[in-house]
């Protein structure tokens, strides 16, 4: 492990990519402290501190939103919306690509088509940002929503437009940072930004646990139990993320010049969790959107209806499980094409023992992938909804429960594993030993 860290900085290109990624993440965290003009951030922060201490669904909702924004929402900084509008727009475009023929053809046009779809995603991001920032600015103007506190000293359309433009520009800048990390850095830029925001909330969660122990609200052995649970969750995430089903394949003997190479046996690894943490991020983004609207609107019946979609509510939990399972299969179908895999094997002469080449092989791969994806999807769903039970049983806030076995911990571990995998590929390509060479999980 130590040798792998040293080797990371011996490779010039990898060193530059890592330093670039760290620099972009530092810029993101600095921007999360830049206040939005026209908003009393101190008064808003006090309100959020009180709300986080409550055990109602409101505390859960804003706790999760604040976690994904890296604490920027609680102070209404320029990054208040975080990257979630971009993720929501990406989900919409990916779903439309699967059902709209013109977008499907565009997605198959290679790099040019991908750039066009990315352009549509950016347009959708701007629209969602303007809509959500308008809801936020209108909500902040009402002192009754904040216990009589005056959050916006000079309310009006001028201030409202300034807040909308500032927050929208902040999200667009985060989107640009993520794209730059993906192209010039290491790892997935958007996922790393979300992870950086979640990790930034960890010190406050630890301090909150300390205060609960100091005041006698919870006992030390309960904290030890939560820490043990977090360790088990991390181990489970690593097992599921790195777990794979190895499909044996045979390659025919080859004649090169005057040499005859005998038939070779190898395998194709099919990952148990092909989609990674994307289903968790997508499901959270979809469910937070209507809950956010329900919190900001002034209509009582709509607020009550949307209240059922707040984190911790039964309907929210059920929908989260369904959406995580759906996106596990949906994203796997996008990233794994059994037909192309079977065609490439047929062209190279490779085959699965006992399976005819061509369509039967494609059907075999699809059947196996569907079977191994299901337990991975159920595992992700179970871990994602577990914080709701921890928060209620142990009488802790949703922010704390997220770090001891929930969405936050899942995203951190999953993204770190994916980033380490990319670093490992750079090391192995240059004949260096990587991080996971000896610890890679082997499937059957």
Protein backbone atom coordinates (compact mmCIF):
# COMPACT_ATOMS: atom_id res chain seq x y z
CA UNK A 1 0.00 0.00 0.00
CA UNK A 2 2.77 2.47 0.97
CA UNK A 3 4.73 1.50 -2.14
CA UNK A 4 1.66 2.15 -4.27
CA UNK A 5 1.33 5.66 -2.83
CA UNK A 6 4.98 6.35 -3.63
CA UNK A 7 4.56 5.02 -7.15
CA UNK A 8 1.61 7.34 -7.73
CA UNK A 9 3.89 10.37 -7.64
CA UNK A 10 6.67 8.78 -9.68
CA UNK A 11 4.51 8.83 -12.81
CA UNK A 12 4.42 12.36 -14.18
CA UNK A 13 1.02 12.14 -15.88
CA UNK A 14 -0.66 10.47 -12.90
CA UNK A 15 0.89 12.97 -10.49
CA UNK A 16 -0.40 15.87 -12.59
CA UNK A 17 -3.89 14.37 -12.73
CA UNK A 18 -4.02 13.81 -8.97
CA UNK A 19 -2.80 17.32 -8.16
CA UNK A 20 -5.26 18.79 -10.68
CA UNK A 21 -8.12 16.87 -9.07
CA UNK A 22 -7.13 18.01 -5.59
CA UNK A 23 -6.86 21.60 -6.80
CA UNK A 24 -10.34 21.55 -8.33
CA UNK A 25 -11.82 20.04 -5.17
CA UNK A 26 -10.17 22.77 -3.07
CA UNK A 27 -11.71 25.39 -5.36
CA UNK A 28 -15.10 23.72 -4.87
CA UNK A 29 -14.79 23.75 -1.09
CA UNK A 30 -13.68 27.38 -1.05
CA UNK A 31 -16.67 28.32 -3.19
CA UNK A 32 -18.98 26.58 -0.72
CA UNK A 33 -18.19 29.38 1.75
CA UNK A 34 -18.86 32.33 -0.58
CA UNK A 35 -22.17 33.88 0.59
CA UNK A 36 -25.03 34.69 -1.73
CA UNK A 37 -25.61 38.48 -1.91
CA UNK A 38 -28.74 39.72 -0.16
CA UNK A 39 -29.03 36.80 2.31
CA UNK A 40 -28.32 36.91 6.06
CA UNK A 41 -26.26 33.73 6.22
CA UNK A 42 -25.82 33.91 10.01
CA UNK A 43 -29.56 33.95 10.72
CA UNK A 44 -30.14 31.17 8.21
CA UNK A 45 -27.37 29.07 9.74
CA UNK A 46 -28.93 29.38 13.21
CA UNK A 47 -32.27 28.23 11.83
CA UNK A 48 -30.71 25.19 10.18
CA UNK A 49 -28.85 24.29 13.38
CA UNK A 50 -32.17 24.22 15.23
CA UNK A 51 -33.82 22.26 12.43
CA UNK A 52 -31.05 19.67 12.38
CA UNK A 53 -31.61 18.97 16.08
CA UNK A 54 -35.25 18.12 15.50
CA UNK A 55 -36.19 14.54 14.83
CA UNK A 56 -39.00 15.34 12.42
CA UNK A 57 -39.03 14.77 8.69
CA UNK A 58 -38.08 18.37 8.10
CA UNK A 59 -34.75 17.82 9.83
CA UNK A 60 -34.21 14.70 7.74
CA UNK A 61 -34.98 16.47 4.47
CA UNK A 62 -32.74 19.48 4.98
CA UNK A 63 -30.08 17.28 6.55
CA UNK A 64 -29.84 15.19 3.38
CA UNK A 65 -30.00 18.24 1.09
CA UNK A 66 -27.31 19.95 3.13
CA UNK A 67 -25.15 16.81 3.02
CA UNK A 68 -25.24 16.63 -0.78
CA UNK A 69 -24.42 20.35 -1.05
CA UNK A 70 -21.51 20.05 1.38
CA UNK A 71 -23.11 22.40 3.90
CA UNK A 72 -23.61 25.16 1.32
CA UNK A 73 -27.41 25.06 1.61
CA UNK A 74 -27.48 25.81 5.34
CA UNK A 75 -25.63 29.09 4.69
CA UNK A 76 -27.21 29.76 1.26
CA UNK A 77 -23.84 30.21 -0.42
CA UNK A 78 -23.34 30.40 -4.18
CA UNK A 79 -23.18 26.56 -4.25
CA UNK A 80 -26.45 26.15 -2.31
CA UNK A 81 -28.01 23.80 -4.87
CA UNK A 82 -24.85 21.75 -5.26
CA UNK A 83 -24.64 19.44 -8.25
CA UNK A 84 -28.08 17.84 -7.82
CA UNK A 85 -29.79 19.85 -10.63
CA UNK A 86 -27.17 18.56 -13.07
CA UNK A 87 -27.76 14.99 -11.89
CA UNK A 88 -31.53 15.43 -12.25
CA UNK A 89 -31.09 16.74 -15.79
CA UNK A 90 -28.78 13.82 -16.61
CA UNK A 91 -31.39 11.34 -15.37
CA UNK A 92 -34.09 12.96 -17.50
CA UNK A 93 -31.89 12.88 -20.62
CA UNK A 94 -30.87 9.25 -20.07
CA UNK A 95 -34.48 8.17 -19.61
CA UNK A 96 -35.54 10.13 -22.71
CA UNK A 97 -32.70 8.57 -24.69
CA UNK A 98 -34.18 5.14 -23.98
CA UNK A 99 -37.70 6.09 -25.20
CA UNK A 100 -37.23 8.88 -27.79
CA UNK A 101 -35.95 7.49 -31.13
CA UNK A 102 -34.24 10.73 -32.21
CA UNK A 103 -32.24 10.91 -28.97
CA UNK A 104 -31.44 7.21 -29.22
CA UNK A 105 -30.02 7.72 -32.71
CA UNK A 106 -28.09 10.73 -31.44
CA UNK A 107 -26.54 8.65 -28.64
CA UNK A 108 -25.28 6.12 -31.20
CA UNK A 109 -23.45 8.77 -33.26
CA UNK A 110 -20.32 8.53 -31.14
CA UNK A 111 -18.47 11.52 -29.74
CA UNK A 112 -20.52 14.10 -31.69
CA UNK A 113 -23.78 12.67 -30.38
CA UNK A 114 -22.45 12.56 -26.84
CA UNK A 115 -21.48 16.23 -27.00
CA UNK A 116 -24.96 17.13 -28.25
CA UNK A 117 -26.64 15.23 -25.42
CA UNK A 118 -24.29 16.89 -22.92
CA UNK A 119 -25.37 20.24 -24.34
CA UNK A 120 -29.03 19.34 -23.78
CA UNK A 121 -28.14 18.26 -20.25
CA UNK A 122 -26.59 21.66 -19.55
CA UNK A 123 -29.71 23.43 -20.82
CA UNK A 124 -31.83 21.26 -18.54
CA UNK A 125 -29.51 22.04 -15.63
CA UNK A 126 -29.93 25.79 -16.13
CA UNK A 127 -33.73 25.43 -16.25
CA UNK A 128 -33.85 23.35 -13.06
CA UNK A 129 -31.47 25.75 -11.30
CA UNK A 130 -33.60 28.77 -12.16
CA UNK A 131 -36.74 26.99 -11.02
CA UNK A 132 -35.30 25.73 -7.73
CA UNK A 133 -33.48 28.98 -6.95
CA UNK A 134 -36.74 30.89 -7.53
CA UNK A 135 -38.46 28.61 -5.01
CA UNK A 136 -35.62 29.11 -2.52
CA UNK A 137 -35.56 32.90 -2.86
CA UNK A 138 -39.33 33.12 -2.40
CA UNK A 139 -39.17 30.85 0.62
CA UNK A 140 -36.38 32.89 2.22
CA UNK A 141 -38.45 36.08 1.96
CA UNK A 142 -41.07 34.78 4.41
CA UNK A 143 -39.98 35.38 8.05
CA UNK A 144 -42.78 33.11 9.30
CA UNK A 145 -40.97 30.11 7.82
CA UNK A 146 -37.91 30.83 9.98
CA UNK A 147 -39.43 31.52 13.38
CA UNK A 148 -39.69 35.26 12.74
CA UNK A 149 -36.08 35.64 11.59
CA UNK A 150 -35.48 38.08 8.73
CA UNK A 151 -33.31 36.09 6.30
CA UNK A 152 -33.50 38.58 3.42
CA UNK A 153 -33.28 42.15 4.79
CA UNK A 154 -34.38 43.77 1.50
CA UNK A 155 -36.94 41.48 -0.17
CA UNK A 156 -38.15 42.21 -3.68
CA UNK A 157 -37.77 41.18 -7.29
CA UNK A 158 -34.31 42.72 -7.60
CA UNK A 159 -32.99 40.62 -4.69
CA UNK A 160 -34.86 37.56 -5.93
CA UNK A 161 -33.31 37.79 -9.40
CA UNK A 162 -29.86 38.35 -7.92
CA UNK A 163 -30.22 35.21 -5.78
CA UNK A 164 -31.50 33.18 -8.75
CA UNK A 165 -28.65 34.24 -11.03
CA UNK A 166 -25.99 33.75 -8.34
CA UNK A 167 -27.10 30.25 -7.31
CA UNK A 168 -27.59 29.17 -10.93
CA UNK A 169 -24.12 30.41 -11.84
CA UNK A 170 -22.71 28.53 -8.84
CA UNK A 171 -24.21 25.21 -9.97
CA UNK A 172 -22.99 25.76 -13.54
CA UNK A 173 -19.50 26.41 -12.18
CA UNK A 174 -19.64 23.17 -10.15
CA UNK A 175 -20.74 21.34 -13.29
CA UNK A 176 -17.74 22.78 -15.14
CA UNK A 177 -15.41 21.74 -12.31
CA UNK A 178 -16.74 18.18 -12.50
CA UNK A 179 -16.23 18.01 -16.25
CA UNK A 180 -12.68 19.31 -15.91
CA UNK A 181 -11.86 16.69 -13.27
CA UNK A 182 -13.25 13.90 -15.46
CA UNK A 183 -11.26 15.04 -18.51
CA UNK A 184 -8.00 16.23 -16.95
CA UNK A 185 -7.97 14.66 -13.49
CA UNK A 186 -8.55 11.24 -12.00
CA UNK A 187 -11.93 9.65 -11.26
CA UNK A 188 -15.46 10.79 -12.04
CA UNK A 189 -15.61 14.53 -11.42
CA UNK A 190 -19.28 14.77 -10.44
CA UNK A 191 -19.05 11.82 -8.04
CA UNK A 192 -15.87 13.22 -6.46
CA UNK A 193 -17.54 16.60 -5.91
CA UNK A 194 -20.48 14.92 -4.18
CA UNK A 195 -18.05 12.87 -2.08
CA UNK A 196 -16.05 15.95 -1.11
CA UNK A 197 -19.25 17.64 0.02
CA UNK A 198 -20.30 14.64 2.11
CA UNK A 199 -16.86 14.29 3.71
CA UNK A 200 -16.89 17.98 4.62
CA UNK A 201 -19.95 17.32 6.81
CA UNK A 202 -18.20 14.54 8.72
CA UNK A 203 -16.48 16.78 11.35
CA UNK A 204 -19.82 18.34 12.30
CA UNK A 205 -21.36 14.88 12.61
CA UNK A 206 -18.51 13.73 14.86
CA UNK A 207 -18.87 16.85 17.01
CA UNK A 208 -22.61 16.25 17.28
CA UNK A 209 -21.95 12.69 18.48
CA UNK A 210 -19.48 14.05 21.04
CA UNK A 211 -22.09 16.50 22.36
CA UNK A 212 -24.70 13.76 22.62
CA UNK A 213 -22.30 11.59 24.63
CA UNK A 214 -21.22 14.51 26.82
CA UNK A 215 -24.79 15.44 27.69
CA UNK A 216 -25.74 11.81 28.31
CA UNK A 217 -28.26 11.64 25.48
CA UNK A 218 -26.61 8.50 24.14
CA UNK A 219 -24.18 6.14 25.84
CA UNK A 220 -20.62 5.43 24.67
CA UNK A 221 -21.38 1.77 23.92
CA UNK A 222 -24.07 2.95 21.48
CA UNK A 223 -21.44 5.00 19.63
CA UNK A 224 -19.18 1.94 19.55
CA UNK A 225 -22.07 -0.05 18.09
CA UNK A 226 -22.58 2.55 15.36
CA UNK A 227 -18.86 2.54 14.57
CA UNK A 228 -18.93 -1.26 14.28
CA UNK A 229 -21.96 -0.99 12.02
CA UNK A 230 -20.12 1.52 9.82
CA UNK A 231 -17.16 -0.87 9.54
CA UNK A 232 -19.49 -3.71 8.52
CA UNK A 233 -21.14 -1.48 5.92
CA UNK A 234 -17.76 -0.51 4.47
CA UNK A 235 -16.77 -4.18 4.26
CA UNK A 236 -20.08 -5.04 2.61
CA UNK A 237 -19.77 -2.24 0.07
CA UNK A 238 -16.26 -3.37 -0.84
CA UNK A 239 -17.43 -6.97 -1.23
CA UNK A 240 -20.38 -6.07 -3.44
CA UNK A 241 -18.52 -3.42 -5.46
CA UNK A 242 -15.47 -5.58 -6.14
CA UNK A 243 -17.34 -8.89 -6.36
CA UNK A 244 -17.56 -10.46 -9.80
CA UNK A 245 -18.83 -13.54 -11.57
CA UNK A 246 -16.13 -14.97 -13.82
CA UNK A 247 -17.44 -16.52 -17.02
CA UNK A 248 -14.91 -19.04 -18.46
CA UNK A 249 -14.20 -18.70 -22.18
CA UNK A 250 -12.09 -20.71 -24.62
CA UNK A 251 -9.94 -19.30 -27.39
CA UNK A 252 -9.02 -21.53 -30.38
CA UNK A 253 -5.45 -22.34 -31.28
CA UNK A 254 -3.74 -19.74 -33.44
CA UNK A 255 -1.07 -20.03 -36.13
CA UNK A 256 1.37 -17.11 -36.30
CA UNK A 257 4.10 -17.60 -38.87
CA UNK A 258 5.61 -21.00 -38.20
CA UNK A 259 4.42 -21.18 -34.60
CA UNK A 260 1.19 -22.81 -33.44
CA UNK A 261 -0.29 -21.49 -30.20
CA UNK A 262 -2.52 -23.93 -28.34
CA UNK A 263 -6.07 -23.07 -27.26
CA UNK A 264 -6.23 -20.77 -24.23
CA UNK A 265 -8.67 -20.67 -21.32
CA UNK A 266 -9.51 -17.32 -19.78
CA UNK A 267 -12.55 -15.60 -18.32
CA UNK A 268 -14.78 -12.53 -18.60
CA UNK A 269 -15.50 -10.82 -15.24
CA UNK A 270 -19.10 -9.66 -14.74
CA UNK A 271 -19.38 -7.28 -11.80
CA UNK A 272 -22.09 -7.86 -9.21
CA UNK A 273 -22.61 -4.11 -8.90
CA UNK A 274 -22.02 -2.87 -12.43
CA UNK A 275 -23.70 0.49 -11.75
CA UNK A 276 -21.63 1.41 -8.67
CA UNK A 277 -23.15 4.19 -6.55
CA UNK A 278 -24.97 5.82 -9.47
CA UNK A 279 -28.37 4.28 -8.50
CA UNK A 280 -28.12 5.78 -5.00
CA UNK A 281 -27.26 9.25 -6.34
CA UNK A 282 -29.99 9.11 -8.98
CA UNK A 283 -32.67 7.89 -6.56
CA UNK A 284 -31.79 10.56 -3.98
CA UNK A 285 -31.84 13.28 -6.63
CA UNK A 286 -35.29 12.30 -7.92
CA UNK A 287 -36.86 12.00 -4.46
CA UNK A 288 -35.35 15.21 -3.09
CA UNK A 289 -36.77 17.31 -5.92
CA UNK A 290 -40.52 17.04 -5.07
CA UNK A 291 -39.76 17.10 -1.34
CA UNK A 292 -37.87 20.36 -1.83
CA UNK A 293 -40.80 21.91 -3.68
CA UNK A 294 -43.19 20.78 -0.95
CA UNK A 295 -41.04 22.52 1.67
CA UNK A 296 -40.81 25.82 -0.17
CA UNK A 297 -44.40 26.27 -1.37
CA UNK A 298 -46.96 28.05 0.79
CA UNK A 299 -49.98 25.89 -0.14
CA UNK A 300 -50.91 23.70 2.83
CA UNK A 301 -52.36 20.75 0.91
CA UNK A 302 -49.38 20.56 -1.45
CA UNK A 303 -46.95 20.83 1.44
CA UNK A 304 -48.70 17.97 3.25
CA UNK A 305 -48.74 15.84 0.10
CA UNK A 306 -45.04 16.41 -0.51
CA UNK A 307 -44.34 15.77 3.17
CA UNK A 308 -44.90 12.08 2.50
CA UNK A 309 -41.81 12.17 0.26
CA UNK A 310 -39.43 13.42 2.93
CA UNK A 311 -36.55 11.20 4.09
CA UNK A 312 -37.71 8.87 6.83
CA UNK A 313 -41.33 8.74 5.67
CA UNK A 314 -42.71 5.33 4.68
CA UNK A 315 -43.54 6.35 1.11
CA UNK A 316 -40.07 7.88 0.66
CA UNK A 317 -38.43 4.67 1.89
CA UNK A 318 -40.49 2.44 -0.40
CA UNK A 319 -39.88 4.65 -3.44
CA UNK A 320 -36.16 4.84 -2.67
CA UNK A 321 -35.90 1.03 -2.64
CA UNK A 322 -37.81 0.74 -5.92
CA UNK A 323 -35.78 3.49 -7.62
CA UNK A 324 -32.43 2.07 -6.51
CA UNK A 325 -33.31 -1.37 -7.87
CA UNK A 326 -34.64 0.20 -11.09
CA UNK A 327 -31.53 2.32 -11.68
CA UNK A 328 -29.26 -0.65 -10.93
CA UNK A 329 -30.81 -2.50 -13.87
CA UNK A 330 -31.23 0.63 -16.01
CA UNK A 331 -27.62 1.79 -15.67
CA UNK A 332 -26.33 -1.77 -16.11
CA UNK A 333 -28.28 -2.01 -19.37
CA UNK A 334 -26.61 1.23 -20.55
CA UNK A 335 -23.04 0.28 -19.62
CA UNK A 336 -23.16 -3.46 -20.40
CA UNK A 337 -24.12 -4.59 -23.92
CA UNK A 338 -24.25 -8.41 -24.15
CA UNK A 339 -24.92 -8.32 -27.91
CA UNK A 340 -21.71 -6.40 -28.67
CA UNK A 341 -19.76 -8.63 -26.29
CA UNK A 342 -21.06 -11.79 -27.97
CA UNK A 343 -20.33 -10.40 -31.46
CA UNK A 344 -16.76 -9.48 -30.52
CA UNK A 345 -16.22 -12.95 -29.08
CA UNK A 346 -17.60 -14.55 -32.24
CA UNK A 347 -15.31 -12.48 -34.46
CA UNK A 348 -12.25 -13.44 -32.42
CA UNK A 349 -13.23 -17.10 -32.30
CA UNK A 350 -13.74 -17.15 -28.52
CA UNK A 351 -16.72 -18.95 -27.00
CA UNK A 352 -18.27 -19.94 -23.69
CA UNK A 353 -18.03 -23.73 -23.19
CA UNK A 354 -21.43 -25.31 -23.73
CA UNK A 355 -22.98 -22.15 -25.25
CA UNK A 356 -23.36 -21.58 -28.98
CA UNK A 357 -21.71 -18.39 -30.33
CA UNK A 358 -23.82 -15.40 -31.37
CA UNK A 359 -27.33 -14.81 -30.03
CA UNK A 360 -27.32 -17.70 -27.49
CA UNK A 361 -24.13 -16.30 -25.96
CA UNK A 362 -25.67 -12.81 -25.72
CA UNK A 363 -28.77 -14.26 -24.05
CA UNK A 364 -26.54 -16.18 -21.63
CA UNK A 365 -24.62 -13.04 -20.63
CA UNK A 366 -27.85 -11.07 -20.21
CA UNK A 367 -29.39 -13.81 -18.05
CA UNK A 368 -26.32 -14.06 -15.83
CA UNK A 369 -26.04 -10.28 -15.45
CA UNK A 370 -29.72 -9.98 -14.47
CA UNK A 371 -29.29 -12.67 -11.83
CA UNK A 372 -26.15 -11.24 -10.21
CA UNK A 373 -27.43 -7.64 -10.33
CA UNK A 374 -30.47 -8.40 -8.15
CA UNK A 375 -28.63 -9.19 -4.87
CA UNK A 376 -26.35 -6.19 -5.38
CA UNK A 377 -29.38 -3.94 -5.93
CA UNK A 378 -31.10 -5.23 -2.79
CA UNK A 379 -27.92 -4.68 -0.79
CA UNK A 380 -27.62 -1.05 -1.92
CA UNK A 381 -31.31 -0.44 -1.19
CA UNK A 382 -31.07 -1.97 2.29
CA UNK A 383 -28.03 0.11 3.24
CA UNK A 384 -29.57 3.30 1.82
CA UNK A 385 -32.76 3.08 3.91
CA UNK A 386 -31.04 1.86 7.08
CA UNK A 387 -30.29 5.38 8.48
CA UNK A 388 -34.02 6.01 8.92
CA UNK A 389 -34.18 3.14 11.41
CA UNK A 390 -30.95 4.20 13.13
CA UNK A 391 -32.19 7.78 13.54
CA UNK A 392 -35.45 6.63 15.11
CA UNK A 393 -34.07 3.83 17.28
CA UNK A 394 -30.99 5.62 18.66
CA UNK A 395 -32.53 9.10 18.80
CA UNK A 396 -29.83 10.74 16.67
CA UNK A 397 -30.14 13.16 13.78
CA UNK A 398 -30.32 12.05 10.18
CA UNK A 399 -26.92 13.65 9.54
CA UNK A 400 -25.24 11.32 12.03
CA UNK A 401 -27.05 8.20 10.85
CA UNK A 402 -25.96 8.84 7.25
CA UNK A 403 -22.30 8.45 8.22
CA UNK A 404 -22.89 5.24 10.19
CA UNK A 405 -24.42 3.15 7.45
CA UNK A 406 -26.34 5.07 4.83
CA UNK A 407 -26.27 6.94 1.56
CA UNK A 408 -23.35 9.12 2.61
CA UNK A 409 -21.12 6.21 3.58
CA UNK A 410 -22.12 4.24 0.48
CA UNK A 411 -21.19 7.09 -1.84
CA UNK A 412 -17.87 7.75 -0.11
CA UNK A 413 -16.74 4.12 -0.23
CA UNK A 414 -18.04 3.49 -3.74
CA UNK A 415 -16.44 6.60 -5.25
CA UNK A 416 -13.14 5.97 -3.47
CA UNK A 417 -13.05 2.41 -4.82
CA UNK A 418 -13.76 3.63 -8.35
CA UNK A 419 -11.04 6.29 -8.09
CA UNK A 420 -8.53 3.77 -6.72
CA UNK A 421 -9.39 1.47 -9.61
CA UNK A 422 -8.49 4.20 -12.09
CA UNK A 423 -5.25 4.97 -10.25
CA UNK A 424 -4.46 1.26 -10.26
CA UNK A 425 -4.94 1.06 -14.03
CA UNK A 426 -2.33 3.82 -14.46
CA UNK A 427 0.11 2.02 -12.15
CA UNK A 428 -0.32 -1.42 -13.71
CA UNK A 429 -0.03 0.01 -17.23
CA UNK A 430 3.43 1.28 -16.29
CA UNK A 431 4.41 -2.00 -14.59
CA UNK A 432 3.94 -0.78 -11.03
CA UNK A 433 2.13 -2.75 -8.35
CA UNK A 434 -1.26 -1.22 -7.56
CA UNK A 435 -3.48 -0.95 -4.49
CA UNK A 436 -5.85 -3.85 -5.11
CA UNK A 437 -3.60 -6.36 -6.81
CA UNK A 438 -3.57 -8.77 -3.89
CA UNK A 439 -6.92 -7.83 -2.41
CA UNK A 440 -9.13 -8.14 -5.47
CA UNK A 441 -12.17 -10.30 -4.85
CA UNK A 442 -12.42 -13.37 -6.98
CA UNK A 443 -15.72 -14.73 -8.16
CA UNK A 444 -16.62 -18.11 -9.48
